[in-house]
Protein backbone atom coordinates (compact mmCIF):
# COMPACT_ATOMS: atom_id res chain seq x y z
CA MET A 1 0.00 0.00 0.00
CA THR A 2 1.34 3.42 -0.90
CA GLN A 3 1.25 6.46 1.34
CA ASP A 4 -1.34 8.09 -0.95
CA ALA A 5 -3.55 5.00 -0.75
CA ALA A 6 -3.29 4.97 3.07
CA LEU A 7 -4.21 8.65 3.23
CA ALA A 8 -7.20 8.12 0.95
CA ALA A 9 -8.41 5.08 2.91
CA ALA A 10 -8.25 6.92 6.24
CA ARG A 11 -9.93 10.04 4.89
CA ARG A 12 -12.86 7.95 3.66
CA HIS A 13 -13.78 7.26 7.30
CA ALA A 14 -14.49 10.93 8.01
CA GLU A 15 -18.07 11.86 8.78
CA ASN A 16 -20.17 14.87 8.03
CA PRO A 17 -20.88 16.60 11.38
CA ALA A 18 -24.55 16.69 10.34
CA GLY A 19 -24.55 12.91 9.90
CA GLY A 20 -23.32 10.32 7.40
CA LYS A 21 -20.03 10.07 5.54
CA LEU A 22 -18.40 12.97 3.73
CA SER A 23 -18.46 12.97 -0.02
CA PRO A 24 -15.23 11.66 -1.58
CA ALA A 25 -14.44 15.16 -2.85
CA LEU A 26 -14.74 16.75 0.59
CA ALA A 27 -12.95 13.88 2.35
CA SER A 28 -9.98 14.14 -0.03
CA GLY A 29 -9.34 17.70 1.16
CA LEU A 30 -9.08 16.88 4.88
CA PRO A 31 -5.68 17.59 6.47
CA ALA A 32 -3.94 14.28 7.14
CA VAL A 33 -0.48 12.90 7.89
CA ALA A 34 0.70 9.33 7.22
CA VAL A 35 3.82 7.75 8.70
CA LYS A 36 4.98 4.20 8.00
CA MET A 37 6.30 2.29 11.01
CA THR A 38 6.08 -1.10 12.65
CA ILE A 39 3.14 -1.95 14.89
CA SER A 40 5.64 -2.21 17.76
CA GLN A 41 6.78 1.37 17.12
CA PHE A 42 3.15 2.50 17.11
CA ASP A 43 2.46 0.69 20.39
CA GLN A 44 5.49 2.38 21.96
CA LEU A 45 4.48 5.78 20.56
CA GLN A 46 1.04 5.44 22.14
CA HIS A 47 2.33 3.81 25.35
CA ILE A 48 0.16 0.75 24.90
CA GLY A 49 0.99 -2.90 25.30
CA ALA A 50 1.90 -5.14 22.40
CA ASP A 51 -0.87 -6.81 20.43
CA ASN A 52 -0.29 -10.56 20.53
CA ASP A 53 -2.24 -11.02 17.27
CA ILE A 54 0.12 -8.86 15.18
CA ALA A 55 3.82 -9.53 14.64
CA PRO A 56 5.81 -6.67 16.23
CA ASP A 57 7.75 -6.06 13.01
CA ARG A 58 4.59 -5.78 10.87
CA SER A 59 4.63 -2.56 8.80
CA VAL A 60 1.65 -0.27 9.19
CA TRP A 61 0.61 3.15 8.03
CA VAL A 62 -0.37 5.39 10.93
CA VAL A 63 -2.67 8.06 9.50
CA THR A 64 -4.00 10.97 11.54
CA VAL A 65 -6.89 12.84 9.95
CA HIS A 66 -8.36 16.15 11.05
CA GLY A 67 -12.00 15.39 10.36
CA SER A 68 -15.10 14.40 12.31
CA MET A 69 -15.56 10.88 13.62
CA THR A 70 -18.18 9.55 16.05
CA THR A 71 -17.81 6.65 18.45
CA ASP A 72 -20.39 3.91 18.71
CA ALA A 73 -22.74 4.39 21.65
CA LEU A 74 -21.81 2.22 24.61
CA PRO A 75 -24.46 0.90 27.00
CA GLY A 76 -25.63 3.81 29.12
CA ARG A 77 -23.47 6.33 27.25
CA PRO A 78 -24.14 8.52 24.24
CA PRO A 79 -21.85 8.49 21.19
CA VAL A 80 -18.98 10.99 21.24
CA THR A 81 -17.80 13.03 18.25
CA ASP A 82 -14.24 14.30 17.90
CA ASN A 83 -12.50 16.29 15.17
CA VAL A 84 -9.38 14.15 14.91
CA TYR A 85 -8.82 10.43 14.54
CA THR A 86 -6.04 8.01 13.72
CA ASP A 87 -6.30 4.89 11.58
CA VAL A 88 -3.60 2.22 11.71
CA ILE A 89 -3.60 0.33 8.42
CA ASP A 90 -1.65 -2.83 7.59
CA ALA A 91 0.82 -1.69 4.92
CA ALA A 92 0.81 -5.02 3.07
CA THR A 93 -2.92 -5.76 2.96
CA GLY A 94 -4.62 -2.39 3.44
CA THR A 95 -6.62 -3.81 6.36
CA LEU A 96 -7.69 -1.39 9.07
CA VAL A 97 -6.02 -2.61 12.27
CA ILE A 98 -6.89 0.16 14.74
CA GLU A 99 -9.28 3.13 14.64
CA ALA A 100 -8.71 5.65 17.42
CA ILE A 101 -11.16 8.53 17.70
CA GLY A 102 -9.78 11.62 19.43
CA VAL A 103 -6.19 10.48 18.97
CA GLU A 104 -3.61 12.55 17.07
CA ALA A 105 -0.87 9.91 16.86
CA VAL A 106 1.24 11.61 14.18
CA LYS A 107 1.62 15.27 13.31
């Protein structure tokens, strides 16, 4: 997966603050940064424990997007909307590994 493809994939997750997904044209203009690293480097960057399901040397694209994203509602809690999110995408397969709403992992 190229950096441009990772940026495009992450931007497609942005939502319109009024509801629903942004149009592809609007999503493509969102400010975003993509950095390629290993999942182990990402875990260290975010101060989280290793994921036993992913090899530590697995290459991922870490993409931070400045756009709206809403969490799913949890039991007894309303959904939360934030204006920044980070997607971690497997660099070899293009599979979304982690979606972190309210997290600006790379700048």
